[in-house]
Protein backbone atom coordinates (compact mmCIF):
# COMPACT_ATOMS: atom_id res chain seq x y z
CA MET A 1 0.36 34.90 15.17
CA ALA A 2 -1.29 33.41 12.29
CA GLY A 3 -1.29 29.85 10.77
CA HIS A 4 -3.17 26.67 10.36
CA SER A 5 -3.89 24.02 13.03
CA LYS A 6 -0.98 22.21 14.14
CA PHE A 7 1.14 24.82 12.32
CA LYS A 8 1.80 23.06 9.10
CA ASN A 9 2.32 26.30 7.47
CA ILE A 10 3.46 29.08 9.90
CA MET A 11 3.48 32.77 9.44
CA PHE A 12 4.20 34.92 12.36
CA ARG A 13 2.51 38.31 12.65
CA LYS A 14 1.63 39.84 15.87
CA GLY A 15 -0.17 42.97 14.72
CA ALA A 16 -2.96 42.63 17.15
CA GLN A 17 -0.70 43.40 20.09
CA ASP A 18 -0.78 47.27 20.80
CA LYS A 19 2.97 47.34 21.59
CA LYS A 20 3.81 46.09 18.19
CA ARG A 21 1.39 47.91 16.09
CA ALA A 22 3.78 50.76 15.13
CA ARG A 23 6.44 48.20 14.07
CA VAL A 24 3.94 46.10 11.97
CA PHE A 25 2.36 49.16 10.20
CA ALA A 26 6.00 50.30 9.32
CA LYS A 27 6.47 46.85 7.66
CA PHE A 28 3.38 47.20 5.54
CA SER A 29 4.25 50.78 4.71
CA ARG A 30 7.47 49.55 3.39
CA GLU A 31 5.79 46.88 1.27
CA ILE A 32 3.40 49.25 -0.17
CA SER A 33 6.04 51.56 -0.91
CA VAL A 34 7.99 49.16 -2.90
CA ALA A 35 4.92 48.01 -4.72
CA VAL A 36 4.06 51.56 -5.68
CA LYS A 37 7.68 52.14 -6.90
CA LEU A 38 7.61 48.93 -8.99
CA GLY A 39 4.15 49.14 -10.40
CA GLY A 40 2.66 52.53 -9.83
CA SER A 41 -0.10 53.87 -7.44
CA ASP A 42 -2.94 52.60 -9.49
CA VAL A 43 -4.40 49.55 -7.59
CA SER A 44 -6.37 48.28 -10.61
CA SER A 45 -3.13 47.79 -12.60
CA ASN A 46 -0.80 46.85 -9.79
CA PRO A 47 -1.54 43.40 -8.36
CA ARG A 48 1.36 43.55 -5.95
CA LEU A 49 -0.08 46.94 -4.57
CA ARG A 50 -3.46 45.27 -4.29
CA THR A 51 -2.06 42.40 -2.34
CA ALA A 52 -0.08 44.77 -0.05
CA ILE A 53 -3.14 46.74 0.71
CA LEU A 54 -5.33 43.73 1.58
CA ALA A 55 -2.59 42.34 3.78
CA ALA A 56 -2.30 45.79 5.66
CA ARG A 57 -6.15 45.98 6.06
CA GLY A 58 -6.12 42.42 7.34
CA GLU A 59 -4.04 43.58 10.19
CA ASN A 60 -6.29 46.67 10.80
CA MET A 61 -3.74 49.35 9.33
CA PRO A 62 -6.01 52.40 9.00
CA ASN A 63 -6.96 53.66 5.66
CA ASP A 64 -5.52 56.88 6.10
CA ASN A 65 -2.15 55.41 6.81
CA ILE A 66 -2.31 53.41 3.75
CA THR A 67 -3.31 56.40 1.53
CA ARG A 68 -0.46 58.50 2.97
CA THR A 69 2.15 55.81 2.19
CA ILE A 70 1.01 55.50 -1.43
CA SER A 71 1.05 59.30 -1.93
CA LYS A 72 4.33 59.55 -0.44
CA ALA A 73 5.95 56.67 -2.41
CA ALA A 74 4.50 57.90 -5.75
CA GLY A 75 6.42 61.16 -5.15
CA GLU A 76 9.78 59.75 -4.01
CA ASP A 77 12.65 59.06 -6.24
CA SER A 78 14.32 55.79 -6.72
CA SER A 79 17.17 56.61 -4.30
CA SER A 80 15.01 55.29 -1.36
CA ASN A 81 14.33 51.91 -3.02
CA TYR A 82 14.68 48.65 -0.88
CA GLU A 83 16.10 45.34 -1.95
CA GLU A 84 14.12 42.13 -1.51
CA ILE A 85 16.11 39.31 -0.14
CA ARG A 86 15.18 35.83 0.89
CA TYR A 87 17.09 34.08 3.82
CA GLU A 88 16.87 30.38 4.56
CA GLY A 89 18.02 28.54 7.59
CA TYR A 90 17.36 26.04 10.34
CA GLY A 91 16.22 26.36 13.89
CA VAL A 92 16.50 23.92 16.70
CA GLY A 93 15.30 20.36 15.92
CA GLY A 94 16.10 20.69 12.30
CA VAL A 95 13.01 23.06 11.63
CA ALA A 96 13.33 24.74 8.23
CA VAL A 97 12.91 28.62 8.21
CA ILE A 98 12.28 31.14 5.46
CA VAL A 99 12.72 34.84 6.11
CA GLU A 100 11.52 37.32 3.59
CA ALA A 101 13.08 40.89 3.99
CA LEU A 102 13.07 44.33 2.46
CA THR A 103 16.22 46.18 3.32
CA ASP A 104 18.30 49.12 2.16
CA ASN A 105 21.39 47.62 3.72
CA ARG A 106 22.04 43.95 2.92
CA ASN A 107 25.09 43.58 5.13
CA ARG A 108 23.29 44.91 8.18
CA THR A 109 20.22 42.64 7.66
CA SER A 110 22.28 39.38 7.04
CA SER A 111 24.53 40.02 10.03
CA GLN A 112 21.61 40.58 12.36
CA LEU A 113 19.78 37.61 11.14
CA ARG A 114 22.88 35.34 11.37
CA ALA A 115 23.27 36.49 15.03
CA LEU A 116 19.62 35.73 15.84
CA PHE A 117 19.85 32.28 14.35
CA SER A 118 22.94 31.49 16.21
CA LYS A 119 21.60 32.95 19.49
CA PHE A 120 18.77 30.32 19.47
CA GLY A 121 20.69 27.36 18.44
CA GLY A 122 19.95 27.59 14.77
CA SER A 123 22.00 28.53 11.72
CA LEU A 124 21.64 30.65 8.65
CA SER A 125 22.16 28.74 5.40
CA GLU A 126 22.76 29.44 1.68
CA GLN A 127 19.69 30.22 -0.63
CA GLY A 128 18.10 27.00 -1.73
CA ALA A 129 18.97 25.03 1.43
CA VAL A 130 15.44 24.67 2.69
CA LEU A 131 13.35 25.86 -0.27
CA PHE A 132 12.58 22.45 -1.50
CA LEU A 133 10.74 21.77 1.78
CA PHE A 134 8.08 24.61 0.81
CA LYS A 135 5.82 25.35 -2.10
CA HIS A 136 5.58 28.99 -3.27
CA CYS A 137 1.88 29.76 -3.80
CA GLY A 138 -0.95 32.33 -3.65
CA GLU A 139 -3.34 32.31 -0.70
CA ILE A 140 -6.63 34.00 -0.55
CA ARG A 141 -8.38 33.93 2.77
CA TYR A 142 -12.15 34.41 3.56
CA PRO A 143 -14.17 34.29 6.81
CA PRO A 144 -16.30 31.24 7.25
CA GLU A 145 -19.66 33.03 7.04
CA VAL A 146 -19.13 34.22 3.52
CA ALA A 147 -20.00 30.68 1.98
CA SER A 148 -20.35 27.03 2.95
CA GLU A 149 -17.30 24.71 2.48
CA GLU A 150 -18.94 23.20 -0.66
CA THR A 151 -19.85 26.53 -2.21
CA MET A 152 -16.38 27.85 -1.69
CA PHE A 153 -14.75 24.71 -2.93
CA GLU A 154 -16.92 24.66 -6.19
CA ALA A 155 -16.33 28.25 -6.90
CA ALA A 156 -12.61 28.28 -6.21
CA LEU A 157 -12.06 25.41 -8.48
CA GLU A 158 -14.06 26.81 -11.22
CA PHE A 159 -11.84 29.90 -11.15
CA GLY A 160 -8.72 27.90 -11.23
CA ALA A 161 -7.60 27.21 -7.51
CA ASP A 162 -5.32 24.28 -6.86
CA ASN A 163 -6.63 23.61 -3.38
CA ILE A 164 -9.10 24.76 -0.89
CA VAL A 165 -8.86 24.33 2.89
CA SER A 166 -11.82 25.11 4.95
CA ASP A 167 -12.23 24.93 8.80
CA GLU A 168 -14.02 26.88 11.61
CA THR A 169 -11.65 29.77 11.20
CA GLY A 170 -12.43 30.36 7.48
CA HIS A 171 -11.47 29.41 3.93
CA SER A 172 -8.08 29.27 2.42
CA VAL A 173 -7.87 29.20 -1.32
CA PHE A 174 -4.41 28.24 -2.67
CA CYS A 175 -3.32 28.85 -6.35
CA ALA A 176 -0.29 29.25 -8.46
CA PRO A 177 1.80 32.43 -7.79
CA ASP A 178 0.97 33.88 -11.24
CA SER A 179 -2.79 33.17 -10.91
CA LEU A 180 -3.22 35.10 -7.52
CA ASN A 181 -4.38 38.38 -8.84
CA GLU A 182 -6.94 36.94 -11.32
CA LEU A 183 -8.24 34.44 -8.95
CA ALA A 184 -8.59 37.10 -6.34
CA LEU A 185 -10.62 39.24 -8.55
CA HIS A 186 -12.94 36.32 -9.56
CA LEU A 187 -13.61 35.38 -5.95
CA GLN A 188 -14.13 39.08 -5.04
CA SER A 189 -16.89 39.23 -7.74
CA ARG A 190 -18.59 36.45 -6.08
CA PHE A 191 -17.78 36.72 -2.29
CA GLY A 192 -16.67 40.28 -1.75
CA GLU A 193 -13.32 41.45 -0.66
CA ALA A 194 -11.07 38.77 0.94
CA ILE A 195 -9.49 39.09 4.44
CA THR A 196 -6.15 38.61 2.70
CA SER A 197 -4.64 37.85 -0.59
CA ARG A 198 -0.87 37.24 -0.64
CA LEU A 199 1.96 35.00 -1.85
CA THR A 200 3.17 32.56 0.74
CA TRP A 201 5.38 29.60 1.40
CA GLN A 202 3.48 26.54 2.25
CA ALA A 203 5.43 23.54 4.01
CA GLN A 204 5.27 20.45 2.12
CA THR A 205 6.77 18.46 5.05
CA THR A 206 6.72 19.25 8.69
CA THR A 207 9.07 18.55 11.57
CA GLU A 208 7.42 17.74 15.12
CA ILE A 209 9.13 19.11 18.05
CA GLY A 210 8.81 18.84 21.79
CA GLU A 211 8.25 21.45 24.37
CA LYS A 212 11.88 22.53 25.03
CA SER A 213 12.73 22.84 21.30
CA ALA A 214 9.26 24.63 20.69
CA GLU A 215 10.05 27.24 23.41
CA THR A 216 13.41 28.06 21.98
CA LEU A 217 12.13 28.15 18.33
CA LEU A 218 9.23 30.46 19.07
CA LYS A 219 11.56 32.89 20.79
CA MET A 220 13.85 32.84 17.74
CA LEU A 221 10.93 33.28 15.23
CA ASP A 222 9.50 36.08 17.53
CA ALA A 223 12.98 37.85 17.57
CA ILE A 224 13.40 37.47 13.77
CA GLU A 225 9.82 38.86 13.20
CA ASP A 226 10.82 41.85 15.38
CA ASN A 227 13.60 42.75 13.11
CA ASP A 228 12.65 45.99 11.24
CA ASP A 229 13.83 44.66 7.83
CA VAL A 230 11.98 41.35 8.05
CA GLN A 231 8.58 41.24 6.31
CA ARG A 232 7.49 37.60 6.92
CA VAL A 233 8.71 34.48 8.63
CA TYR A 234 7.76 30.90 7.57
CA ALA A 235 8.63 27.53 9.32
CA ASN A 236 7.78 23.97 8.85
CA PHE A 237 7.43 22.82 12.49
CA GLU A 238 4.43 21.02 14.00
CA ILE A 239 3.35 21.19 17.62
CA GLY A 240 0.01 20.43 19.42
CA ASP A 241 -2.51 23.07 20.01
CA GLU A 242 -2.38 22.70 23.76
CA LEU A 243 1.41 23.12 23.84
CA LEU A 244 1.20 26.12 21.69
CA ALA A 245 -1.33 27.71 23.95
CA ARG A 246 0.80 27.10 26.86
CA LEU A 247 3.85 28.56 25.32
CA SER A 248 2.08 31.55 23.97
CA SER A 249 0.40 32.54 27.33
């Protein structure tokens, strides 16, 4: 599970758990395959592939797995292409949810997600229903030891970042989606390779929920994340760290 304190921008990913490693790696393999088919296997000329590889490495996907996936995708024909779909909906307490999926069967994925939202008291909506509550942006993440907060702030602004958030867990540099690859390369030349470099949906407003709603919502988001077609899940809820720790134990 990853995200900022108080969960102002939530993305669920449980790759550290051994029982989910295979499923998580399969999701990254799918993303890498799509990136190769859209832009080729040369990382230097394919920003999407570079981003996918960084994300995979950030979740400890072995380099051998990444290399095999790239080689396999480069040799496949277009018949195995996946479709990118964004789903939007609401969870309990009016929490807004964005789900990004890669699927080879739109009807299957839609029906499965609709059932999951409904099971946990939520509802799947039309595209655009919650999008205005989020900002689409690039996020580049560095560990805290690579630079002081002031040094990272000054360097990121110099290279065109929109915002920088630093805390004890590290530095998050935010930028416009179209600037992600260029900014990542500039920061890499200064600080080395980032932990992650990806496009994300950053919540602009949050919805505070209590323990009962939080427990139901976490179960729903976890179930959605477990769906094989789902790549990423974002939600705009806010709960305290103490409650989160108790519910996650």
